[in-house]
Amino acid sequence: MRRIEAIQIAATDRLNVVEIVEAFFSGSEFVERDEFHVFVTPLLPRYQGVTALGWAPLVLAEERVSHEEAARGEGLSEYRIHEQRKGKIAPAAARNAYYPILYIEPKDRDQHRLGFDLNSDAACRKAIVKTLSTGLPAAAVCAPSKHGISGNKLLYVVAPILKSAPAAKYPADLSDIEGVVFGIFDINAIIRATLDSLPPQDIDLYITDPLDGGNEPICYFPSEASRATMTKAATLERASIPPSGSKVTGLLKVANRTGEVVCLPSHSYLAKQRSWQPTIALCTGLVVTGLLTGFVYLLTESTARVRRLVALRTRELRDSEQRFRRLVDNAGDAFFLHDASGRILDVNQRASESLGYSREELLQMAVSDIDTYVPPGEPLDYWKLADDEYPITFEGVHRRKDGSTFPVELRLVPLVLDRHRLMFGLARDISERKRAEEEVFKEQRLLRELLDLQEQDRKLISYEIHDGLAQQLTGANMQLQAVGHMLERDPGTARKMFDGAVRLLGEAMAETRRLIGGLRPPVLDESGVVAAIEELIVQYKQNGPEIEFDHNIVIKRFSPPLESALFRIVQESLTNACRYSQSEKVRVELTLALDNVTIDVRDWGVGFDPAQVAGNHFGLRGIRERARLLRGSAEIESSPGQGTHIRVVLPLSLAFENNILDEHQEGD
């Protein structure tokens, strides 16, 4: 029993490593190359006879080029899917599916195996088909690399990795296959270690594969006596099982393969024993039973270590997913993951908040349900670009659950998950930016209009100078010139012409004062805004309605910008009232409070509808804009037949006002 237990422990310790790696992959959503290295490297020294552990993903024919490019992009500069052809490495022949070795440890020693297509070797291909049909590990005896260990054949044990694990169903559909994990075992090393744990016997042992005819052994283990009497040539000759002679056979089942163990006694052993069959049968039974027990234990039992590994890995992935989910949900932008048809696969909390839908509702929707620019059932051209053209940024409009819309800036990148190309989009609400851009646009438009108004004022002034002042000065000049010619010949006529010139100059002076007063009356700079308004009212009263003016201003001066704004607002309000209102009375009030000054201009005329005022009517707009530029407010109330009330409130800048006031007081 001790011998059986020793064989069982030895075989199990060497071969259950494949199930450990399978559990590692099954418990992981995705395994990175560095992660595979960190996990597998400590396992290799612990298992004698395990030469390599690896991972071979399923690569469909149409994915071959992109797979090779991706591997080379990860640093495997010479990576390509290849096979052995007549003992030489060559590019893999065209086939529907490949299982190229993508991860392998130890990497430094087995670099040459990267890219080798397991599906190109007949024995490995059968093992892969078997494991994907049953879900159980399968074995293959082959030497798919020319760098095999000491020329010995190797045992490949493969196990399936499916996307749907642990709820996988077999036979596996092609769309559900991720690939296979595998272990490469040196058969000689494993069997030799097992035999070394038993008492030595002068018995030659062969292990054959009945599927290969059973004549050429996979392994040959000569006894000490046979090795002592054999030359190298003889060793090669004895690699074939003698066709005749006494021998005992037994069956050894390894995964889906059944091997035959053939035991032959040496001549020295026969010379010592009357009958060797019971002993050799016992020895053969121990070997077969021990190996069979080890493999059965490997392939049918879940060890506590594997269960702990899966539980640990699952917990780590769950914690990692929770950390990532918290990070994504707390992001300021909305995240969307959707497929090529636009069906939404995942969202973060911000997406739900911005759209007003629950996460469950969004996962039942398509991009066209929330993006007004996306037609239902039709993918955008942005989703069809080549990978090297991403990321891209563009603008769109999203629709909330209540039907309202808001502008978004979208940043789009492709993701490949489970060989499916998905789109990952970040949506940023740019409502504030759009409002700011609209304000800037309005300011720019207003500036252009004000510049146009300024240009119109200049043209008007030039017309008035040309038609009035210039004509008067020209007439005066011509008459004065004529006086010089007529003075001696006709003094009376010269006197009349001189009087006419003086009259024209007087008119020119009056016109000049009128033009200056229209731009900025001197009284505004000399005496302040109250005096300037009083003079303005006197001018309007000459040919206009009755105008009342009340104020409570006791300080002498305001700041120049404020005085100018007050005067212009009153001037424009009186112009509108006297020109359009047909009112017999207009009232102007100027009220100073603690931190602001208020202008009220009211008439009782025909009134108007403010909403119907043309956009190019700069009078009322000028009032509003002057108030806005000084951080004040302007209200214009009017309706047909009800007169008009203009109320403007402008804030005081006390520090500036005090400085201005102090300067004037010091000047006084």
Foldseek 3Di string as FASTA:
>chain_A
DVLLVVLLVLLQLAPLVQVLVLLLLLLDLDADQVNCCVVCVVSVVRHWQFPKKFWWWKAFQVRQVVVQVVLCVVPLVPAHAWFDDPNDIDHDDDDGIWGFTCHMPVCVVVVVRGNYTLCVDPQSVVQVQVCLAPQFKGKGWADRHSPDDVPAIKIKIKGFDFNPPPVADHNHDPLGGGGIIIIIGRVVRSLVVSVVSDDAAQKKKFKCFVVVVRFQGSDIDGGPVVVVPDDPVRVVVVSTPDPDDDWDKDWADATPGIMIMIMGGDPVRVVVDPDCVVVVVVVNCSSRSSNNSNRCCSGPPDDPVSVVSSVVSNVVNVVVVVVVLVVQQPDQWKKFKFAQQQQTCFIHNNVCVVQVHDRVVSNRDGPVQFWVVDDHRDGDPQLVDDQVVDFDKDKTWTAHPVGDIFIWIKTWHWDQDSNGIMIMIITHGCRVVVVVVVVVVVVVVVVVLVVVVVVVVVVVVVVCCVVALVVLQVLLVVLQVVLVVCCVVPVVVSVVSNVSSVVSVVRNVVSVQVVVLVVPHPCCVVFNLVVNVVVVQVVCVVPFAAEAEEEDDDAGYADVLVRVLVNLLSNLLSVCCGPPFPFNYKYWYWYDDDWKIKIKIWGQGQWDDVVPDDPSPCSVVVNQVSLVVQVWGWDWDTHGRGTIMIMIIGTGPVVSRVVVSVVVVVVD
